[in-house]
PDB file of all heavy atoms in Angstrom:
ATOM      1  N   ILE A   1       5.728  14.626  33.536  1.00  0.00           N
ATOM      2  CA  ILE A   1       7.001  14.446  34.235  1.00  0.00           C
ATOM      3  C   ILE A   1       7.130  15.446  35.380  1.00  0.00           C
ATOM      4  O   ILE A   1       7.248  15.064  36.544  1.00  0.00           O
ATOM      5  CB  ILE A   1       8.197  14.562  33.263  1.00  0.00           C
ATOM      6  CG1 ILE A   1       8.135  13.469  32.196  1.00  0.00           C
ATOM      7  CG2 ILE A   1       9.517  14.450  34.050  1.00  0.00           C
ATOM      8  CD1 ILE A   1       9.236  13.552  31.146  1.00  0.00           C
ATOM      9  N   VAL A   2       7.098  16.739  35.068  1.00  0.00           N
ATOM     10  CA  VAL A   2       7.173  17.755  36.122  1.00  0.00           C
ATOM     11  C   VAL A   2       5.972  17.624  37.051  1.00  0.00           C
ATOM     12  O   VAL A   2       6.100  17.683  38.273  1.00  0.00           O
ATOM     13  CB  VAL A   2       7.243  19.174  35.515  1.00  0.00           C
ATOM     14  CG1 VAL A   2       7.211  20.232  36.619  1.00  0.00           C
ATOM     15  CG2 VAL A   2       8.509  19.327  34.668  1.00  0.00           C
ATOM     16  N   GLY A   3       4.782  17.431  36.473  1.00  0.00           N
ATOM     17  CA  GLY A   3       3.594  17.157  37.274  1.00  0.00           C
ATOM     18  C   GLY A   3       2.623  18.314  37.355  1.00  0.00           C
ATOM     19  O   GLY A   3       3.005  19.478  37.382  1.00  0.00           O
ATOM     20  N   ARG A   4       1.347  17.978  37.388  1.00  0.00           N
ATOM     21  CA  ARG A   4       0.266  18.960  37.447  1.00  0.00           C
ATOM     22  C   ARG A   4      -0.050  19.307  38.906  1.00  0.00           C
ATOM     23  O   ARG A   4      -0.059  18.444  39.769  1.00  0.00           O
ATOM     24  CB  ARG A   4      -0.964  18.360  36.754  1.00  0.00           C
ATOM     25  CG  ARG A   4      -2.204  19.206  36.754  1.00  0.00           C
ATOM     26  CD  ARG A   4      -3.249  18.581  35.834  1.00  0.00           C
ATOM     27  NE  ARG A   4      -3.495  17.178  36.141  1.00  0.00           N
ATOM     28  CZ  ARG A   4      -4.403  16.752  37.020  1.00  0.00           C
ATOM     29  NH1 ARG A   4      -5.143  17.624  37.682  1.00  0.00           N
ATOM     30  NH2 ARG A   4      -4.582  15.467  37.237  1.00  0.00           N
ATOM     31  N   ILE A   5      -0.305  20.580  39.163  1.00  0.00           N
ATOM     32  CA  ILE A   5      -0.721  21.008  40.498  1.00  0.00           C
ATOM     33  C   ILE A   5      -2.115  20.455  40.784  1.00  0.00           C
ATOM     34  O   ILE A   5      -3.010  20.546  39.946  1.00  0.00           O
ATOM     35  CB  ILE A   5      -0.734  22.551  40.594  1.00  0.00           C
ATOM     36  CG1 ILE A   5       0.691  23.106  40.472  1.00  0.00           C
ATOM     37  CG2 ILE A   5      -1.347  23.010  41.912  1.00  0.00           C
ATOM     38  CD1 ILE A   5       0.748  24.625  40.401  1.00  0.00           C
ATOM     39  N   LYS A   6      -2.304  19.880  41.958  1.00  0.00           N
ATOM     40  CA  LYS A   6      -3.597  19.332  42.329  1.00  0.00           C
ATOM     41  C   LYS A   6      -4.658  20.421  42.314  1.00  0.00           C
ATOM     42  O   LYS A   6      -4.478  21.495  42.888  1.00  0.00           O
ATOM     43  CB  LYS A   6      -3.508  18.702  43.718  1.00  0.00           C
ATOM     44  CG  LYS A   6      -4.781  17.986  44.145  1.00  0.00           C
ATOM     45  CD  LYS A   6      -4.621  17.339  45.514  1.00  0.00           C
ATOM     46  CE  LYS A   6      -5.887  16.625  45.939  1.00  0.00           C
ATOM     47  NZ  LYS A   6      -5.761  15.987  47.277  1.00  0.00           N
ATOM     48  N   GLY A   7      -5.764  20.133  41.645  1.00  0.00           N
ATOM     49  CA  GLY A   7      -6.842  21.099  41.543  1.00  0.00           C
ATOM     50  C   GLY A   7      -6.943  21.762  40.191  1.00  0.00           C
ATOM     51  O   GLY A   7      -7.958  22.372  39.870  1.00  0.00           O
ATOM     52  N   VAL A   8      -5.880  21.646  39.382  1.00  0.00           N
ATOM     53  CA  VAL A   8      -5.893  22.203  38.023  1.00  0.00           C
ATOM     54  C   VAL A   8      -6.237  21.084  37.048  1.00  0.00           C
ATOM     55  O   VAL A   8      -5.497  20.112  36.925  1.00  0.00           O
ATOM     56  CB  VAL A   8      -4.524  22.824  37.652  1.00  0.00           C
ATOM     57  CG1 VAL A   8      -4.531  23.297  36.210  1.00  0.00           C
ATOM     58  CG2 VAL A   8      -4.196  23.974  38.587  1.00  0.00           C
ATOM     59  N   ASP A   9      -7.357  21.207  36.361  1.00  0.00           N
ATOM     60  CA  ASP A   9      -7.776  20.171  35.419  1.00  0.00           C
ATOM     61  C   ASP A   9      -6.893  20.130  34.176  1.00  0.00           C
ATOM     62  O   ASP A   9      -6.496  19.068  33.716  1.00  0.00           O
ATOM     63  CB  ASP A   9      -9.235  20.409  34.988  1.00  0.00           C
ATOM     64  CG  ASP A   9     -10.221  20.179  36.122  1.00  0.00           C
ATOM     65  OD1 ASP A   9      -9.853  19.470  37.077  1.00  0.00           O
ATOM     66  OD2 ASP A   9     -11.332  20.711  36.054  1.00  0.00           O
ATOM     67  N   ARG A  10      -6.599  21.305  33.616  1.00  0.00           N
ATOM     68  CA  ARG A  10      -5.807  21.390  32.382  1.00  0.00           C
ATOM     69  C   ARG A  10      -4.790  22.526  32.476  1.00  0.00           C
ATOM     70  O   ARG A  10      -5.169  23.701  32.401  1.00  0.00           O
ATOM     71  CB  ARG A  10      -6.729  21.664  31.181  1.00  0.00           C
ATOM     72  CG  ARG A  10      -7.665  20.519  30.811  1.00  0.00           C
ATOM     73  CD  ARG A  10      -6.966  19.464  29.987  1.00  0.00           C
ATOM     74  NE  ARG A  10      -7.904  18.444  29.553  1.00  0.00           N
ATOM     75  CZ  ARG A  10      -8.557  18.468  28.383  1.00  0.00           C
ATOM     76  NH1 ARG A  10      -8.385  19.492  27.556  1.00  0.00           N
ATOM     77  NH2 ARG A  10      -9.396  17.502  28.063  1.00  0.00           N
ATOM     78  N   PRO A  11      -3.509  22.240  32.676  1.00  0.00           N
ATOM     79  CA  PRO A  11      -2.514  23.307  32.576  1.00  0.00           C
ATOM     80  C   PRO A  11      -2.600  23.971  31.212  1.00  0.00           C
ATOM     81  O   PRO A  11      -2.972  23.334  30.215  1.00  0.00           O
ATOM     82  CB  PRO A  11      -1.185  22.553  32.756  1.00  0.00           C
ATOM     83  CG  PRO A  11      -1.552  21.360  33.583  1.00  0.00           C
ATOM     84  CD  PRO A  11      -2.914  20.949  33.071  1.00  0.00           C
ATOM     85  N   ALA A  12      -2.269  25.241  31.150  1.00  0.00           N
ATOM     86  CA  ALA A  12      -2.404  26.005  29.912  1.00  0.00           C
ATOM     87  C   ALA A  12      -1.132  26.770  29.605  1.00  0.00           C
ATOM     88  O   ALA A  12      -0.325  27.063  30.497  1.00  0.00           O
ATOM     89  CB  ALA A  12      -3.584  26.972  30.016  1.00  0.00           C
ATOM     90  N   LEU A  13      -0.960  27.088  28.328  1.00  0.00           N
ATOM     91  CA  LEU A  13       0.185  27.853  27.870  1.00  0.00           C
ATOM     92  C   LEU A  13      -0.217  29.321  27.797  1.00  0.00           C
ATOM     93  O   LEU A  13      -1.168  29.679  27.098  1.00  0.00           O
ATOM     94  CB  LEU A  13       0.610  27.345  26.490  1.00  0.00           C
ATOM     95  CG  LEU A  13       2.024  27.643  25.994  1.00  0.00           C
ATOM     96  CD1 LEU A  13       3.065  27.085  26.954  1.00  0.00           C
ATOM     97  CD2 LEU A  13       2.215  27.039  24.601  1.00  0.00           C
ATOM     98  N   ALA A  14       0.493  30.168  28.539  1.00  0.00           N
ATOM     99  CA  ALA A  14       0.148  31.589  28.617  1.00  0.00           C
ATOM    100  C   ALA A  14       1.349  32.448  28.258  1.00  0.00           C
ATOM    101  O   ALA A  14       2.494  32.100  28.546  1.00  0.00           O
ATOM    102  CB  ALA A  14      -0.329  31.937  30.028  1.00  0.00           C
ATOM    103  N   SER A  15       1.074  33.585  27.634  1.00  0.00           N
ATOM    104  CA  SER A  15       2.137  34.512  27.280  1.00  0.00           C
ATOM    105  C   SER A  15       1.653  35.942  27.451  1.00  0.00           C
ATOM    106  O   SER A  15       0.454  36.218  27.387  1.00  0.00           O
ATOM    107  CB  SER A  15       2.576  34.288  25.828  1.00  0.00           C
ATOM    108  OG  SER A  15       3.685  35.113  25.500  1.00  0.00           O
ATOM    109  N   ALA A  16       2.581  36.850  27.687  1.00  0.00           N
ATOM    110  CA  ALA A  16       2.250  38.274  27.757  1.00  0.00           C
ATOM    111  C   ALA A  16       2.430  38.876  26.364  1.00  0.00           C
ATOM    112  O   ALA A  16       3.496  38.752  25.755  1.00  0.00           O
ATOM    113  CB  ALA A  16       3.153  38.984  28.760  1.00  0.00           C
ATOM    114  N   LEU A  17       1.387  39.506  25.851  1.00  0.00           N
ATOM    115  CA  LEU A  17       1.427  40.172  24.553  1.00  0.00           C
ATOM    116  C   LEU A  17       1.329  41.683  24.752  1.00  0.00           C
ATOM    117  O   LEU A  17       0.761  42.146  25.749  1.00  0.00           O
ATOM    118  CB  LEU A  17       0.277  39.697  23.663  1.00  0.00           C
ATOM    119  CG  LEU A  17       0.262  38.225  23.248  1.00  0.00           C
ATOM    120  CD1 LEU A  17      -0.846  37.995  22.209  1.00  0.00           C
ATOM    121  CD2 LEU A  17       1.592  37.773  22.692  1.00  0.00           C
ATOM    122  N   PRO A  18       1.862  42.468  23.816  1.00  0.00           N
ATOM    123  CA  PRO A  18       1.819  43.925  23.967  1.00  0.00           C
ATOM    124  C   PRO A  18       0.403  44.473  23.855  1.00  0.00           C
ATOM    125  O   PRO A  18      -0.409  43.978  23.086  1.00  0.00           O
ATOM    126  CB  PRO A  18       2.703  44.425  22.816  1.00  0.00           C
ATOM    127  CG  PRO A  18       2.662  43.338  21.808  1.00  0.00           C
ATOM    128  CD  PRO A  18       2.591  42.065  22.593  1.00  0.00           C
ATOM    129  N   SER A  19       0.134  45.497  24.648  1.00  0.00           N
ATOM    130  CA  SER A  19      -1.149  46.185  24.608  1.00  0.00           C
ATOM    131  C   SER A  19      -0.910  47.614  24.132  1.00  0.00           C
ATOM    132  O   SER A  19      -0.072  48.327  24.690  1.00  0.00           O
ATOM    133  CB  SER A  19      -1.780  46.196  26.008  1.00  0.00           C
ATOM    134  OG  SER A  19      -2.976  46.933  26.022  1.00  0.00           O
ATOM    135  N   PHE A  20      -1.606  48.033  23.096  1.00  0.00           N
ATOM    136  CA  PHE A  20      -1.386  49.349  22.505  1.00  0.00           C
ATOM    137  C   PHE A  20      -2.472  50.348  22.908  1.00  0.00           C
ATOM    138  O   PHE A  20      -2.719  51.332  22.226  1.00  0.00           O
ATOM    139  CB  PHE A  20      -1.316  49.226  20.983  1.00  0.00           C
ATOM    140  CG  PHE A  20      -0.149  48.403  20.527  1.00  0.00           C
ATOM    141  CD1 PHE A  20      -0.316  47.058  20.197  1.00  0.00           C
ATOM    142  CD2 PHE A  20       1.116  48.937  20.464  1.00  0.00           C
ATOM    143  CE1 PHE A  20       0.757  46.277  19.793  1.00  0.00           C
ATOM    144  CE2 PHE A  20       2.200  48.163  20.060  1.00  0.00           C
ATOM    145  CZ  PHE A  20       2.020  46.830  19.721  1.00  0.00           C
ATOM    146  N   GLY A  21      -3.105  50.110  24.018  1.00  0.00           N
ATOM    147  CA  GLY A  21      -4.115  51.007  24.551  1.00  0.00           C
ATOM    148  C   GLY A  21      -4.449  50.549  25.953  1.00  0.00           C
ATOM    149  O   GLY A  21      -3.989  49.516  26.426  1.00  0.00           O
ATOM    150  N   GLY A  22      -5.257  51.313  26.664  1.00  0.00           N
ATOM    151  CA  GLY A  22      -5.614  50.909  28.003  1.00  0.00           C
ATOM    152  C   GLY A  22      -4.549  51.270  29.014  1.00  0.00           C
ATOM    153  O   GLY A  22      -3.525  51.873  28.698  1.00  0.00           O
ATOM    154  N   PRO A  23      -4.726  50.853  30.261  1.00  0.00           N
ATOM    155  CA  PRO A  23      -3.844  51.282  31.345  1.00  0.00           C
ATOM    156  C   PRO A  23      -2.527  50.518  31.473  1.00  0.00           C
ATOM    157  O   PRO A  23      -1.629  50.966  32.185  1.00  0.00           O
ATOM    158  CB  PRO A  23      -4.711  51.059  32.587  1.00  0.00           C
ATOM    159  CG  PRO A  23      -5.597  49.911  32.212  1.00  0.00           C
ATOM    160  CD  PRO A  23      -5.884  50.089  30.747  1.00  0.00           C
ATOM    161  N   ASN A  24      -2.385  49.357  30.798  1.00  0.00           N
ATOM    162  CA  ASN A  24      -1.188  48.523  30.970  1.00  0.00           C
ATOM    163  C   ASN A  24      -0.479  48.268  29.650  1.00  0.00           C
ATOM    164  O   ASN A  24      -1.078  48.358  28.575  1.00  0.00           O
ATOM    165  CB  ASN A  24      -1.579  47.188  31.620  1.00  0.00           C
ATOM    166  CG  ASN A  24      -2.257  47.388  32.967  1.00  0.00           C
ATOM    167  OD1 ASN A  24      -1.666  47.944  33.894  1.00  0.00           O
ATOM    168  ND2 ASN A  24      -3.504  46.956  33.091  1.00  0.00           N
ATOM    169  N   ASP A  25       0.829  47.956  29.740  1.00  0.00           N
ATOM    170  CA  ASP A  25       1.655  47.770  28.547  1.00  0.00           C
ATOM    171  C   ASP A  25       1.455  46.400  27.898  1.00  0.00           C
ATOM    172  O   ASP A  25       1.815  46.209  26.741  1.00  0.00           O
ATOM    173  CB  ASP A  25       3.140  47.941  28.891  1.00  0.00           C
ATOM    174  CG  ASP A  25       3.466  49.363  29.321  1.00  0.00           C
ATOM    175  OD1 ASP A  25       2.754  50.282  28.888  1.00  0.00           O
ATOM    176  OD2 ASP A  25       4.428  49.535  30.103  1.00  0.00           O
ATOM    177  N   SER A  26       0.937  45.447  28.659  1.00  0.00           N
ATOM    178  CA  SER A  26       0.785  44.094  28.116  1.00  0.00           C
ATOM    179  C   SER A  26      -0.390  43.400  28.783  1.00  0.00           C
ATOM    180  O   SER A  26      -0.930  43.862  29.792  1.00  0.00           O
ATOM    181  CB  SER A  26       2.071  43.287  28.322  1.00  0.00           C
ATOM    182  OG  SER A  26       2.421  43.235  29.685  1.00  0.00           O
ATOM    183  N   PHE A  27      -0.772  42.257  28.205  1.00  0.00           N
ATOM    184  CA  PHE A  27      -1.860  41.456  28.760  1.00  0.00           C
ATOM    185  C   PHE A  27      -1.516  39.986  28.654  1.00  0.00           C
ATOM    186  O   PHE A  27      -0.647  39.586  27.861  1.00  0.00           O
ATOM    187  CB  PHE A  27      -3.183  41.757  28.040  1.00  0.00           C
ATOM    188  CG  PHE A  27      -3.233  41.285  26.601  1.00  0.00           C
ATOM    189  CD1 PHE A  27      -3.803  40.058  26.285  1.00  0.00           C
ATOM    190  CD2 PHE A  27      -2.715  42.060  25.574  1.00  0.00           C
ATOM    191  CE1 PHE A  27      -3.851  39.609  24.970  1.00  0.00           C
ATOM    192  CE2 PHE A  27      -2.759  41.626  24.260  1.00  0.00           C
ATOM    193  CZ  PHE A  27      -3.331  40.396  23.955  1.00  0.00           C
ATOM    194  N   VAL A  28      -2.193  39.155  29.447  1.00  0.00           N
ATOM    195  CA  VAL A  28      -1.977  37.710  29.429  1.00  0.00           C
ATOM    196  C   VAL A  28      -2.932  37.077  28.424  1.00  0.00           C
ATOM    197  O   VAL A  28      -4.127  37.354  28.434  1.00  0.00           O
ATOM    198  CB  VAL A  28      -2.238  37.097  30.824  1.00  0.00           C
ATOM    199  CG1 VAL A  28      -2.043  35.578  30.777  1.00  0.00           C
ATOM    200  CG2 VAL A  28      -1.324  37.718  31.861  1.00  0.00           C
ATOM    201  N   PHE A  29      -2.382  36.227  27.553  1.00  0.00           N
ATOM    202  CA  PHE A  29      -3.182  35.525  26.547  1.00  0.00           C
ATOM    203  C   PHE A  29      -2.998  34.028  26.757  1.00  0.00           C
ATOM    204  O   PHE A  29      -1.882  33.526  26.754  1.00  0.00           O
ATOM    205  CB  PHE A  29      -2.730  35.943  25.151  1.00  0.00           C
ATOM    206  CG  PHE A  29      -3.626  35.475  24.029  1.00  0.00           C
ATOM    207  CD1 PHE A  29      -4.965  35.203  24.231  1.00  0.00           C
ATOM    208  CD2 PHE A  29      -3.113  35.330  22.745  1.00  0.00           C
ATOM    209  CE1 PHE A  29      -5.789  34.789  23.193  1.00  0.00           C
ATOM    210  CE2 PHE A  29      -3.917  34.924  21.688  1.00  0.00           C
ATOM    211  CZ  PHE A  29      -5.263  34.650  21.913  1.00  0.00           C
ATOM    212  N   MET A  30      -4.099  33.291  26.955  1.00  0.00           N
ATOM    213  CA  MET A  30      -4.043  31.853  27.193  1.00  0.00           C
ATOM    214  C   MET A  30      -5.404  31.225  26.848  1.00  0.00           C
ATOM    215  O   MET A  30      -6.416  31.922  26.865  1.00  0.00           O
ATOM    216  CB  MET A  30      -3.691  31.565  28.652  1.00  0.00           C
ATOM    217  CG  MET A  30      -4.730  32.083  29.654  1.00  0.00           C
ATOM    218  SD  MET A  30      -4.240  31.933  31.376  1.00  0.00           S
ATOM    219  CE  MET A  30      -4.246  30.173  31.621  1.00  0.00           C
ATOM    220  N   ASP A  31      -5.407  30.004  26.394  1.00  0.00           N
ATOM    221  CA  ASP A  31      -4.388  29.013  26.170  1.00  0.00           C
ATOM    222  C   ASP A  31      -3.852  29.174  24.738  1.00  0.00           C
ATOM    223  O   ASP A  31      -4.613  29.391  23.815  1.00  0.00           O
ATOM    224  CB  ASP A  31      -5.000  27.625  26.398  1.00  0.00           C
ATOM    225  CG  ASP A  31      -4.085  26.476  26.106  1.00  0.00           C
ATOM    226  OD1 ASP A  31      -2.859  26.633  26.184  1.00  0.00           O
ATOM    227  OD2 ASP A  31      -4.591  25.392  25.789  1.00  0.00           O
ATOM    228  N   LEU A  32      -2.541  28.986  24.563  1.00  0.00           N
ATOM    229  CA  LEU A  32      -1.912  29.185  23.266  1.00  0.00           C
ATOM    230  C   LEU A  32      -1.602  27.869  22.558  1.00  0.00           C
ATOM    231  O   LEU A  32      -0.790  27.848  21.643  1.00  0.00           O
ATOM    232  CB  LEU A  32      -0.625  29.996  23.439  1.00  0.00           C
ATOM    233  CG  LEU A  32      -0.816  31.376  24.076  1.00  0.00           C
ATOM    234  CD1 LEU A  32       0.513  32.099  24.186  1.00  0.00           C
ATOM    235  CD2 LEU A  32      -1.814  32.201  23.283  1.00  0.00           C
ATOM    236  N   GLY A  33      -2.250  26.786  22.967  1.00  0.00           N
ATOM    237  CA  GLY A  33      -2.062  25.530  22.252  1.00  0.00           C
ATOM    238  C   GLY A  33      -1.815  24.317  23.112  1.00  0.00           C
ATOM    239  O   GLY A  33      -1.551  23.233  22.584  1.00  0.00           O
ATOM    240  N   ALA A  34      -1.892  24.466  24.426  1.00  0.00           N
ATOM    241  CA  ALA A  34      -1.693  23.287  25.276  1.00  0.00           C
ATOM    242  C   ALA A  34      -2.822  22.283  25.101  1.00  0.00           C
ATOM    243  O   ALA A  34      -2.619  21.076  25.167  1.00  0.00           O
ATOM    244  CB  ALA A  34      -1.607  23.708  26.748  1.00  0.00           C
ATOM    245  N   ASN A  35      -4.037  22.797  24.851  1.00  0.00           N
ATOM    246  CA  ASN A  35      -5.218  21.937  24.713  1.00  0.00           C
ATOM    247  C   ASN A  35      -6.017  22.384  23.499  1.00  0.00           C
ATOM    248  O   ASN A  35      -6.595  23.475  23.504  1.00  0.00           O
ATOM    249  CB  ASN A  35      -6.089  22.038  25.966  1.00  0.00           C
ATOM    250  CG  ASN A  35      -5.304  21.790  27.248  1.00  0.00           C
ATOM    251  OD1 ASN A  35      -4.994  20.668  27.586  1.00  0.00           O
ATOM    252  ND2 ASN A  35      -4.964  22.864  27.944  1.00  0.00           N
ATOM    253  N   ALA A  36      -6.065  21.552  22.477  1.00  0.00           N
ATOM    254  CA  ALA A  36      -6.784  21.926  21.258  1.00  0.00           C
ATOM    255  C   ALA A  36      -8.284  22.030  21.497  1.00  0.00           C
ATOM    256  O   ALA A  36      -8.971  22.835  20.873  1.00  0.00           O
ATOM    257  CB  ALA A  36      -6.502  20.916  20.146  1.00  0.00           C
ATOM    258  N   GLU A  37      -8.798  21.205  22.396  1.00  0.00           N
ATOM    259  CA  GLU A  37     -10.222  21.230  22.726  1.00  0.00           C
ATOM    260  C   GLU A  37     -10.390  21.474  24.222  1.00  0.00           C
ATOM    261  O   GLU A  37      -9.639  20.940  25.026  1.00  0.00           O
ATOM    262  CB  GLU A  37     -10.891  19.921  22.325  1.00  0.00           C
ATOM    263  CG  GLU A  37     -10.856  19.642  20.827  1.00  0.00           C
ATOM    264  CD  GLU A  37     -11.547  18.338  20.470  1.00  0.00           C
ATOM    265  OE1 GLU A  37     -12.048  17.674  21.396  1.00  0.00           O
ATOM    266  OE2 GLU A  37     -11.580  18.003  19.279  1.00  0.00           O
ATOM    267  N   ASN A  38     -11.380  22.277  24.563  1.00  0.00           N
ATOM    268  CA  ASN A  38     -11.613  22.593  25.968  1.00  0.00           C
ATOM    269  C   ASN A  38     -13.084  22.488  26.336  1.00  0.00           C
ATOM    270  O   ASN A  38     -13.953  22.721  25.507  1.00  0.00           O
ATOM    271  CB  ASN A  38     -11.144  24.028  26.276  1.00  0.00           C
ATOM    272  CG  ASN A  38      -9.644  24.179  26.188  1.00  0.00           C
ATOM    273  OD1 ASN A  38      -9.137  24.799  25.261  1.00  0.00           O
ATOM    274  ND2 ASN A  38      -8.929  23.621  27.141  1.00  0.00           N
ATOM    275  N   LYS A  39     -13.332  22.166  27.599  1.00  0.00           N
ATOM    276  CA  LYS A  39     -14.672  22.231  28.164  1.00  0.00           C
ATOM    277  C   LYS A  39     -14.874  23.636  28.740  1.00  0.00           C
ATOM    278  O   LYS A  39     -13.905  24.349  29.015  1.00  0.00           O
ATOM    279  CB  LYS A  39     -14.829  21.190  29.275  1.00  0.00           C
ATOM    280  CG  LYS A  39     -14.732  19.744  28.808  1.00  0.00           C
ATOM    281  CD  LYS A  39     -14.877  18.797  29.995  1.00  0.00           C
ATOM    282  CE  LYS A  39     -14.788  17.342  29.552  1.00  0.00           C
ATOM    283  NZ  LYS A  39     -14.914  16.414  30.705  1.00  0.00           N
ATOM    284  N   PRO A  40     -16.125  24.034  28.952  1.00  0.00           N
ATOM    285  CA  PRO A  40     -16.370  25.337  29.561  1.00  0.00           C
ATOM    286  C   PRO A  40     -15.642  25.523  30.892  1.00  0.00           C
ATOM    287  O   PRO A  40     -15.119  26.605  31.185  1.00  0.00           O
ATOM    288  CB  PRO A  40     -17.891  25.342  29.762  1.00  0.00           C
ATOM    289  CG  PRO A  40     -18.410  24.459  28.679  1.00  0.00           C
ATOM    290  CD  PRO A  40     -17.389  23.373  28.537  1.00  0.00           C
ATOM    291  N   SER A  41     -15.586  24.453  31.707  1.00  0.00           N
ATOM    292  CA  SER A  41     -14.916  24.560  33.002  1.00  0.00           C
ATOM    293  C   SER A  41     -13.422  24.833  32.859  1.00  0.00           C
ATOM    294  O   SER A  41     -12.817  25.493  33.710  1.00  0.00           O
ATOM    295  CB  SER A  41     -15.137  23.291  33.830  1.00  0.00           C
ATOM    296  OG  SER A  41     -14.635  22.152  33.153  1.00  0.00           O
ATOM    297  N   HIS A  42     -12.806  24.332  31.768  1.00  0.00           N
ATOM    298  CA  HIS A  42     -11.387  24.601  31.543  1.00  0.00           C
ATOM    299  C   HIS A  42     -11.170  26.084  31.253  1.00  0.00           C
ATOM    300  O   HIS A  42     -10.238  26.708  31.798  1.00  0.00           O
ATOM    301  CB  HIS A  42     -10.855  23.773  30.362  1.00  0.00           C
ATOM    302  CG  HIS A  42     -10.977  22.307  30.558  1.00  0.00           C
ATOM    303  ND1 HIS A  42     -11.101  21.419  29.509  1.00  0.00           N
ATOM    304  CD2 HIS A  42     -11.006  21.540  31.688  1.00  0.00           C
ATOM    305  CE1 HIS A  42     -11.195  20.188  29.986  1.00  0.00           C
ATOM    306  NE2 HIS A  42     -11.147  20.237  31.298  1.00  0.00           N
ATOM    307  N   LEU A  43     -12.019  26.665  30.400  1.00  0.00           N
ATOM    308  CA  LEU A  43     -11.906  28.081  30.074  1.00  0.00           C
ATOM    309  C   LEU A  43     -12.131  28.926  31.329  1.00  0.00           C
ATOM    310  O   LEU A  43     -11.467  29.947  31.537  1.00  0.00           O
ATOM    311  CB  LEU A  43     -12.907  28.455  28.982  1.00  0.00           C
ATOM    312  CG  LEU A  43     -12.720  27.725  27.640  1.00  0.00           C
ATOM    313  CD1 LEU A  43     -13.823  28.102  26.660  1.00  0.00           C
ATOM    314  CD2 LEU A  43     -11.360  28.045  27.032  1.00  0.00           C
ATOM    315  N   TYR A  44     -13.057  28.494  32.153  1.00  0.00           N
ATOM    316  CA  TYR A  44     -13.320  29.172  33.419  1.00  0.00           C
ATOM    317  C   TYR A  44     -12.077  29.142  34.310  1.00  0.00           C
ATOM    318  O   TYR A  44     -11.689  30.160  34.906  1.00  0.00           O
ATOM    319  CB  TYR A  44     -14.506  28.494  34.101  1.00  0.00           C
ATOM    320  CG  TYR A  44     -14.783  28.953  35.515  1.00  0.00           C
ATOM    321  CD1 TYR A  44     -15.460  30.134  35.764  1.00  0.00           C
ATOM    322  CD2 TYR A  44     -14.374  28.167  36.599  1.00  0.00           C
ATOM    323  CE1 TYR A  44     -15.726  30.548  37.061  1.00  0.00           C
ATOM    324  CE2 TYR A  44     -14.636  28.574  37.895  1.00  0.00           C
ATOM    325  CZ  TYR A  44     -15.311  29.763  38.126  1.00  0.00           C
ATOM    326  OH  TYR A  44     -15.561  30.154  39.406  1.00  0.00           O
ATOM    327  N   GLN A  45     -11.418  27.983  34.395  1.00  0.00           N
ATOM    328  CA  GLN A  45     -10.200  27.883  35.200  1.00  0.00           C
ATOM    329  C   GLN A  45      -9.090  28.755  34.634  1.00  0.00           C
ATOM    330  O   GLN A  45      -8.301  29.335  35.393  1.00  0.00           O
ATOM    331  CB  GLN A  45      -9.722  26.431  35.278  1.00  0.00           C
ATOM    332  CG  GLN A  45     -10.526  25.563  36.218  1.00  0.00           C
ATOM    333  CD  GLN A  45      -9.815  24.258  36.565  1.00  0.00           C
ATOM    334  OE1 GLN A  45      -8.702  23.998  36.117  1.00  0.00           O
ATOM    335  NE2 GLN A  45     -10.464  23.435  37.359  1.00  0.00           N
TER     336      GLN A  45
END
């Protein structure tokens, strides 16, 4: 309905999770369930 951006094969669900070490307070974690199965190119994107 909203629509996929041209050039993106598989939109993904991403969230910021807390990081308890390293230089930053949080990190991006994706995909969180938008696509149960992925091709290597999807993970690359």
